[in-house]
PDB file of all heavy atoms in Angstrom:
ATOM      1  N   ARG A   1    -167.895  23.323  21.156  1.00  0.00           N
ATOM      2  CA  ARG A   1    -167.195  22.484  22.137  1.00  0.00           C
ATOM      3  C   ARG A   1    -165.735  22.483  21.736  1.00  0.00           C
ATOM      4  O   ARG A   1    -165.342  21.878  20.691  1.00  0.00           O
ATOM      5  CB  ARG A   1    -167.793  21.088  22.171  1.00  0.00           C
ATOM      6  CG  ARG A   1    -167.103  20.183  23.189  1.00  0.00           C
ATOM      7  CD  ARG A   1    -167.596  18.727  23.063  1.00  0.00           C
ATOM      8  NE  ARG A   1    -169.007  18.610  23.478  1.00  0.00           N
ATOM      9  CZ  ARG A   1    -169.416  18.281  24.698  1.00  0.00           C
ATOM     10  NH1 ARG A   1    -168.506  18.046  25.651  1.00  0.00           N
ATOM     11  NH2 ARG A   1    -170.700  18.149  24.957  1.00  0.00           N
ATOM     12  N   PRO A   2    -164.854  22.950  22.616  1.00  0.00           N
ATOM     13  CA  PRO A   2    -163.417  22.830  22.362  1.00  0.00           C
ATOM     14  C   PRO A   2    -163.011  21.351  22.440  1.00  0.00           C
ATOM     15  O   PRO A   2    -163.502  20.577  23.209  1.00  0.00           O
ATOM     16  CB  PRO A   2    -162.730  23.610  23.464  1.00  0.00           C
ATOM     17  CG  PRO A   2    -163.817  24.473  24.043  1.00  0.00           C
ATOM     18  CD  PRO A   2    -165.117  23.741  23.836  1.00  0.00           C
ATOM     19  N   VAL A   3    -162.010  20.981  21.574  1.00  0.00           N
ATOM     20  CA  VAL A   3    -161.544  19.635  21.518  1.00  0.00           C
ATOM     21  C   VAL A   3    -160.095  19.667  22.029  1.00  0.00           C
ATOM     22  O   VAL A   3    -159.228  20.451  21.564  1.00  0.00           O
ATOM     23  CB  VAL A   3    -161.578  19.075  20.097  1.00  0.00           C
ATOM     24  CG1 VAL A   3    -161.005  17.607  20.072  1.00  0.00           C
ATOM     25  CG2 VAL A   3    -162.963  19.137  19.582  1.00  0.00           C
ATOM     26  N   PHE A   4    -159.811  18.815  23.026  1.00  0.00           N
ATOM     27  CA  PHE A   4    -158.423  18.761  23.583  1.00  0.00           C
ATOM     28  C   PHE A   4    -157.840  17.400  23.282  1.00  0.00           C
ATOM     29  O   PHE A   4    -158.454  16.339  23.317  1.00  0.00           O
ATOM     30  CB  PHE A   4    -158.472  18.914  25.101  1.00  0.00           C
ATOM     31  CG  PHE A   4    -158.634  20.367  25.512  1.00  0.00           C
ATOM     32  CD1 PHE A   4    -159.907  20.977  25.530  1.00  0.00           C
ATOM     33  CD2 PHE A   4    -157.532  21.137  25.889  1.00  0.00           C
ATOM     34  CE1 PHE A   4    -160.042  22.284  25.877  1.00  0.00           C
ATOM     35  CE2 PHE A   4    -157.703  22.487  26.254  1.00  0.00           C
ATOM     36  CZ  PHE A   4    -158.968  23.026  26.280  1.00  0.00           C
ATOM     37  N   VAL A   5    -156.536  17.436  22.889  1.00  0.00           N
ATOM     38  CA  VAL A   5    -155.763  16.234  22.578  1.00  0.00           C
ATOM     39  C   VAL A   5    -154.460  16.408  23.329  1.00  0.00           C
ATOM     40  O   VAL A   5    -153.743  17.407  23.127  1.00  0.00           O
ATOM     41  CB  VAL A   5    -155.553  16.067  21.089  1.00  0.00           C
ATOM     42  CG1 VAL A   5    -154.670  14.817  20.817  1.00  0.00           C
ATOM     43  CG2 VAL A   5    -156.905  15.935  20.333  1.00  0.00           C
ATOM     44  N   GLU A   6    -154.156  15.418  24.137  1.00  0.00           N
ATOM     45  CA  GLU A   6    -152.904  15.421  24.965  1.00  0.00           C
ATOM     46  C   GLU A   6    -152.804  16.764  25.731  1.00  0.00           C
ATOM     47  O   GLU A   6    -151.735  17.361  25.835  1.00  0.00           O
ATOM     48  CB  GLU A   6    -151.671  15.220  24.049  1.00  0.00           C
ATOM     49  CG  GLU A   6    -151.678  13.867  23.385  1.00  0.00           C
ATOM     50  CD  GLU A   6    -150.492  13.675  22.501  1.00  0.00           C
ATOM     51  OE1 GLU A   6    -149.613  14.584  22.395  1.00  0.00           O
ATOM     52  OE2 GLU A   6    -150.358  12.572  21.843  1.00  0.00           O
ATOM     53  N   GLY A   7    -153.900  17.213  26.228  1.00  0.00           N
ATOM     54  CA  GLY A   7    -153.952  18.451  27.068  1.00  0.00           C
ATOM     55  C   GLY A   7    -153.890  19.764  26.334  1.00  0.00           C
ATOM     56  O   GLY A   7    -153.852  20.760  27.024  1.00  0.00           O
ATOM     57  N   ARG A   8    -153.922  19.688  25.024  1.00  0.00           N
ATOM     58  CA  ARG A   8    -153.805  20.966  24.252  1.00  0.00           C
ATOM     59  C   ARG A   8    -155.015  21.143  23.413  1.00  0.00           C
ATOM     60  O   ARG A   8    -155.590  20.205  22.853  1.00  0.00           O
ATOM     61  CB  ARG A   8    -152.560  20.930  23.404  1.00  0.00           C
ATOM     62  CG  ARG A   8    -151.281  20.817  24.128  1.00  0.00           C
ATOM     63  CD  ARG A   8    -150.114  20.965  23.177  1.00  0.00           C
ATOM     64  NE  ARG A   8    -150.044  22.306  22.641  1.00  0.00           N
ATOM     65  CZ  ARG A   8    -149.030  22.747  21.796  1.00  0.00           C
ATOM     66  NH1 ARG A   8    -148.063  21.938  21.462  1.00  0.00           N
ATOM     67  NH2 ARG A   8    -149.125  23.957  21.335  1.00  0.00           N
ATOM     68  N   LEU A   9    -155.468  22.456  23.276  1.00  0.00           N
ATOM     69  CA  LEU A   9    -156.597  22.745  22.407  1.00  0.00           C
ATOM     70  C   LEU A   9    -156.242  22.401  21.016  1.00  0.00           C
ATOM     71  O   LEU A   9    -155.238  22.896  20.443  1.00  0.00           O
ATOM     72  CB  LEU A   9    -156.947  24.248  22.535  1.00  0.00           C
ATOM     73  CG  LEU A   9    -158.096  24.741  21.642  1.00  0.00           C
ATOM     74  CD1 LEU A   9    -159.386  24.132  22.067  1.00  0.00           C
ATOM     75  CD2 LEU A   9    -158.148  26.342  21.724  1.00  0.00           C
ATOM     76  N   SER A  10    -157.104  21.624  20.354  1.00  0.00           N
ATOM     77  CA  SER A  10    -156.797  21.152  18.998  1.00  0.00           C
ATOM     78  C   SER A  10    -157.847  21.490  17.952  1.00  0.00           C
ATOM     79  O   SER A  10    -157.651  21.288  16.732  1.00  0.00           O
ATOM     80  CB  SER A  10    -156.535  19.633  19.042  1.00  0.00           C
ATOM     81  OG  SER A  10    -155.465  19.316  19.870  1.00  0.00           O
ATOM     82  N   GLY A  11    -159.024  21.945  18.401  1.00  0.00           N
ATOM     83  CA  GLY A  11    -160.065  22.262  17.459  1.00  0.00           C
ATOM     84  C   GLY A  11    -161.407  22.532  18.194  1.00  0.00           C
ATOM     85  O   GLY A  11    -161.464  22.584  19.419  1.00  0.00           O
ATOM     86  N   PHE A  12    -162.434  22.687  17.374  1.00  0.00           N
ATOM     87  CA  PHE A  12    -163.812  22.933  17.867  1.00  0.00           C
ATOM     88  C   PHE A  12    -164.813  22.111  17.077  1.00  0.00           C
ATOM     89  O   PHE A  12    -164.769  22.077  15.809  1.00  0.00           O
ATOM     90  CB  PHE A  12    -164.146  24.375  17.822  1.00  0.00           C
ATOM     91  CG  PHE A  12    -163.338  25.333  18.674  1.00  0.00           C
ATOM     92  CD1 PHE A  12    -162.102  25.761  18.221  1.00  0.00           C
ATOM     93  CD2 PHE A  12    -163.759  25.686  19.973  1.00  0.00           C
ATOM     94  CE1 PHE A  12    -161.316  26.611  18.970  1.00  0.00           C
ATOM     95  CE2 PHE A  12    -162.979  26.529  20.757  1.00  0.00           C
ATOM     96  CZ  PHE A  12    -161.740  27.010  20.257  1.00  0.00           C
ATOM     97  N   ALA A  13    -165.739  21.458  17.807  1.00  0.00           N
ATOM     98  CA  ALA A  13    -166.914  20.817  17.169  1.00  0.00           C
ATOM     99  C   ALA A  13    -168.077  21.724  17.442  1.00  0.00           C
ATOM    100  O   ALA A  13    -168.358  22.138  18.556  1.00  0.00           O
ATOM    101  CB  ALA A  13    -167.143  19.450  17.759  1.00  0.00           C
ATOM    102  N   ASN A  14    -168.804  22.070  16.386  1.00  0.00           N
ATOM    103  CA  ASN A  14    -169.840  23.090  16.431  1.00  0.00           C
ATOM    104  C   ASN A  14    -171.106  22.726  15.725  1.00  0.00           C
ATOM    105  O   ASN A  14    -171.078  21.992  14.729  1.00  0.00           O
ATOM    106  CB  ASN A  14    -169.334  24.451  15.797  1.00  0.00           C
ATOM    107  CG  ASN A  14    -167.851  24.721  16.125  1.00  0.00           C
ATOM    108  OD1 ASN A  14    -167.628  25.297  17.220  1.00  0.00           O
ATOM    109  ND2 ASN A  14    -166.949  24.346  15.273  1.00  0.00           N
ATOM    110  N   ILE A  15    -172.223  23.263  16.227  1.00  0.00           N
ATOM    111  CA  ILE A  15    -173.490  23.050  15.553  1.00  0.00           C
ATOM    112  C   ILE A  15    -174.275  24.376  15.685  1.00  0.00           C
ATOM    113  O   ILE A  15    -174.296  25.009  16.723  1.00  0.00           O
ATOM    114  CB  ILE A  15    -174.290  21.896  16.173  1.00  0.00           C
ATOM    115  CG1 ILE A  15    -175.583  21.689  15.413  1.00  0.00           C
ATOM    116  CG2 ILE A  15    -174.527  22.054  17.662  1.00  0.00           C
ATOM    117  CD1 ILE A  15    -176.268  20.396  15.805  1.00  0.00           C
ATOM    118  N   ARG A  16    -174.839  24.806  14.605  1.00  0.00           N
ATOM    119  CA  ARG A  16    -175.708  26.018  14.556  1.00  0.00           C
ATOM    120  C   ARG A  16    -177.128  25.532  14.178  1.00  0.00           C
ATOM    121  O   ARG A  16    -177.342  24.896  13.168  1.00  0.00           O
ATOM    122  CB  ARG A  16    -175.189  26.991  13.511  1.00  0.00           C
ATOM    123  CG  ARG A  16    -176.068  28.162  13.202  1.00  0.00           C
ATOM    124  CD  ARG A  16    -175.421  29.199  12.319  1.00  0.00           C
ATOM    125  NE  ARG A  16    -174.714  30.207  13.105  1.00  0.00           N
ATOM    126  CZ  ARG A  16    -173.598  30.843  12.715  1.00  0.00           C
ATOM    127  NH1 ARG A  16    -173.074  30.567  11.567  1.00  0.00           N
ATOM    128  NH2 ARG A  16    -173.091  31.750  13.488  1.00  0.00           N
ATOM    129  N   ALA A  17    -178.061  25.906  15.034  1.00  0.00           N
ATOM    130  CA  ALA A  17    -179.467  25.355  14.855  1.00  0.00           C
ATOM    131  C   ALA A  17    -180.464  26.447  15.106  1.00  0.00           C
ATOM    132  O   ALA A  17    -180.348  27.230  16.115  1.00  0.00           O
ATOM    133  CB  ALA A  17    -179.652  24.177  15.793  1.00  0.00           C
ATOM    134  N   HIS A  18    -181.514  26.485  14.276  1.00  0.00           N
ATOM    135  CA  HIS A  18    -182.582  27.506  14.389  1.00  0.00           C
ATOM    136  C   HIS A  18    -183.602  27.067  15.410  1.00  0.00           C
ATOM    137  O   HIS A  18    -184.371  26.123  15.152  1.00  0.00           O
ATOM    138  CB  HIS A  18    -183.175  27.671  12.946  1.00  0.00           C
ATOM    139  CG  HIS A  18    -184.234  28.750  12.953  1.00  0.00           C
ATOM    140  ND1 HIS A  18    -184.009  29.962  12.205  1.00  0.00           N
ATOM    141  CD2 HIS A  18    -185.433  28.906  13.529  1.00  0.00           C
ATOM    142  CE1 HIS A  18    -185.016  30.722  12.336  1.00  0.00           C
ATOM    143  NE2 HIS A  18    -185.919  30.149  13.182  1.00  0.00           N
ATOM    144  N   GLN A  19    -183.647  27.795  16.548  1.00  0.00           N
ATOM    145  CA  GLN A  19    -184.502  27.397  17.649  1.00  0.00           C
ATOM    146  C   GLN A  19    -186.021  27.750  17.261  1.00  0.00           C
ATOM    147  O   GLN A  19    -186.295  28.703  16.602  1.00  0.00           O
ATOM    148  CB  GLN A  19    -184.107  28.096  18.925  1.00  0.00           C
ATOM    149  CG  GLN A  19    -182.660  27.852  19.257  1.00  0.00           C
ATOM    150  CD  GLN A  19    -182.257  26.390  19.310  1.00  0.00           C
ATOM    151  OE1 GLN A  19    -182.922  25.596  19.911  1.00  0.00           O
ATOM    152  NE2 GLN A  19    -181.094  26.071  18.764  1.00  0.00           N
ATOM    153  N   SER A  20    -186.864  26.902  17.840  1.00  0.00           N
ATOM    154  CA  SER A  20    -188.348  27.092  17.553  1.00  0.00           C
ATOM    155  C   SER A  20    -188.806  28.420  18.044  1.00  0.00           C
ATOM    156  O   SER A  20    -189.728  29.074  17.416  1.00  0.00           O
ATOM    157  CB  SER A  20    -189.122  25.982  18.227  1.00  0.00           C
ATOM    158  OG  SER A  20    -188.848  24.742  17.575  1.00  0.00           O
ATOM    159  N   ASP A  21    -188.293  28.886  19.209  1.00  0.00           N
ATOM    160  CA  ASP A  21    -188.717  30.199  19.692  1.00  0.00           C
ATOM    161  C   ASP A  21    -187.710  30.681  20.661  1.00  0.00           C
ATOM    162  O   ASP A  21    -187.224  29.950  21.546  1.00  0.00           O
ATOM    163  CB  ASP A  21    -190.077  30.122  20.419  1.00  0.00           C
ATOM    164  CG  ASP A  21    -190.564  31.466  20.895  1.00  0.00           C
ATOM    165  OD1 ASP A  21    -191.210  32.167  20.022  1.00  0.00           O
ATOM    166  OD2 ASP A  21    -190.373  31.808  22.086  1.00  0.00           O
ATOM    167  N   ILE A  22    -187.362  32.012  20.609  1.00  0.00           N
ATOM    168  CA  ILE A  22    -186.334  32.628  21.479  1.00  0.00           C
ATOM    169  C   ILE A  22    -186.874  33.917  22.137  1.00  0.00           C
ATOM    170  O   ILE A  22    -186.095  34.832  22.344  1.00  0.00           O
ATOM    171  CB  ILE A  22    -185.025  32.818  20.797  1.00  0.00           C
ATOM    172  CG1 ILE A  22    -185.209  33.793  19.570  1.00  0.00           C
ATOM    173  CG2 ILE A  22    -184.354  31.555  20.332  1.00  0.00           C
ATOM    174  CD1 ILE A  22    -183.872  34.423  19.117  1.00  0.00           C
ATOM    175  N   GLY A  23    -188.199  33.998  22.295  1.00  0.00           N
ATOM    176  CA  GLY A  23    -188.813  35.159  22.777  1.00  0.00           C
ATOM    177  C   GLY A  23    -189.028  36.168  21.682  1.00  0.00           C
ATOM    178  O   GLY A  23    -189.253  35.815  20.506  1.00  0.00           O
ATOM    179  N   GLY A  24    -189.011  37.485  22.017  1.00  0.00           N
ATOM    180  CA  GLY A  24    -189.250  38.478  20.991  1.00  0.00           C
ATOM    181  C   GLY A  24    -190.717  38.724  20.808  1.00  0.00           C
ATOM    182  O   GLY A  24    -191.557  38.166  21.488  1.00  0.00           O
ATOM    183  N   GLY A  25    -191.043  39.497  19.773  1.00  0.00           N
ATOM    184  CA  GLY A  25    -192.414  39.983  19.599  1.00  0.00           C
ATOM    185  C   GLY A  25    -193.328  39.094  18.906  1.00  0.00           C
ATOM    186  O   GLY A  25    -194.523  39.409  18.787  1.00  0.00           O
ATOM    187  N   ALA A  26    -192.901  37.954  18.432  1.00  0.00           N
ATOM    188  CA  ALA A  26    -193.757  37.015  17.722  1.00  0.00           C
ATOM    189  C   ALA A  26    -193.303  35.555  18.018  1.00  0.00           C
ATOM    190  O   ALA A  26    -192.131  35.282  18.000  1.00  0.00           O
ATOM    191  CB  ALA A  26    -193.766  37.235  16.229  1.00  0.00           C
ATOM    192  N   ALA A  27    -194.255  34.733  18.299  1.00  0.00           N
ATOM    193  CA  ALA A  27    -193.930  33.287  18.522  1.00  0.00           C
ATOM    194  C   ALA A  27    -193.306  32.693  17.266  1.00  0.00           C
ATOM    195  O   ALA A  27    -193.672  33.060  16.152  1.00  0.00           O
ATOM    196  CB  ALA A  27    -195.150  32.501  18.867  1.00  0.00           C
ATOM    197  N   GLY A  28    -192.228  31.947  17.442  1.00  0.00           N
ATOM    198  CA  GLY A  28    -191.470  31.415  16.316  1.00  0.00           C
ATOM    199  C   GLY A  28    -190.317  32.352  15.924  1.00  0.00           C
ATOM    200  O   GLY A  28    -189.447  31.961  15.112  1.00  0.00           O
ATOM    201  N   SER A  29    -190.224  33.476  16.604  1.00  0.00           N
ATOM    202  CA  SER A  29    -189.081  34.389  16.487  1.00  0.00           C
ATOM    203  C   SER A  29    -188.836  35.010  15.140  1.00  0.00           C
ATOM    204  O   SER A  29    -187.790  35.628  14.882  1.00  0.00           O
ATOM    205  CB  SER A  29    -187.790  33.671  16.943  1.00  0.00           C
ATOM    206  OG  SER A  29    -187.972  33.225  18.319  1.00  0.00           O
ATOM    207  N   TYR A  30    -189.831  34.916  14.196  1.00  0.00           N
ATOM    208  CA  TYR A  30    -189.821  35.765  13.010  1.00  0.00           C
ATOM    209  C   TYR A  30    -190.866  36.837  13.277  1.00  0.00           C
ATOM    210  O   TYR A  30    -192.081  36.582  13.189  1.00  0.00           O
ATOM    211  CB  TYR A  30    -190.217  34.930  11.789  1.00  0.00           C
ATOM    212  CG  TYR A  30    -189.062  34.189  11.180  1.00  0.00           C
ATOM    213  CD1 TYR A  30    -188.840  32.853  11.417  1.00  0.00           C
ATOM    214  CD2 TYR A  30    -188.140  34.831  10.378  1.00  0.00           C
ATOM    215  CE1 TYR A  30    -187.812  32.150  10.836  1.00  0.00           C
ATOM    216  CE2 TYR A  30    -187.038  34.210   9.757  1.00  0.00           C
ATOM    217  CZ  TYR A  30    -186.912  32.826  10.043  1.00  0.00           C
ATOM    218  OH  TYR A  30    -185.844  32.166   9.447  1.00  0.00           O
ATOM    219  N   ASN A  31    -190.407  38.026  13.525  1.00  0.00           N
ATOM    220  CA  ASN A  31    -191.291  39.116  13.886  1.00  0.00           C
ATOM    221  C   ASN A  31    -191.237  40.145  12.776  1.00  0.00           C
ATOM    222  O   ASN A  31    -190.352  41.019  12.743  1.00  0.00           O
ATOM    223  CB  ASN A  31    -190.866  39.740  15.206  1.00  0.00           C
ATOM    224  CG  ASN A  31    -191.723  40.921  15.654  1.00  0.00           C
ATOM    225  OD1 ASN A  31    -192.765  41.158  14.959  1.00  0.00           O
ATOM    226  ND2 ASN A  31    -191.347  41.644  16.683  1.00  0.00           N
ATOM    227  N   PRO A  32    -192.209  40.091  11.794  1.00  0.00           N
ATOM    228  CA  PRO A  32    -192.200  41.062  10.696  1.00  0.00           C
ATOM    229  C   PRO A  32    -192.387  42.502  11.128  1.00  0.00           C
ATOM    230  O   PRO A  32    -192.210  43.397  10.299  1.00  0.00           O
ATOM    231  CB  PRO A  32    -193.343  40.600   9.843  1.00  0.00           C
ATOM    232  CG  PRO A  32    -193.616  39.152  10.276  1.00  0.00           C
ATOM    233  CD  PRO A  32    -193.266  39.133  11.651  1.00  0.00           C
TER     234      PRO A  32
END
C-alpha cells in the first residue's frame, strides 16, 4: 500500500503472507 503525505508518495506499508492454497498440482500449494 503506497503511503501519501501532503499529496506526495512517502513510503509503502507491506505484508507478505503464505496463502493456504493458490492452485497448482497439490492442495496447500507445496507440490513435490
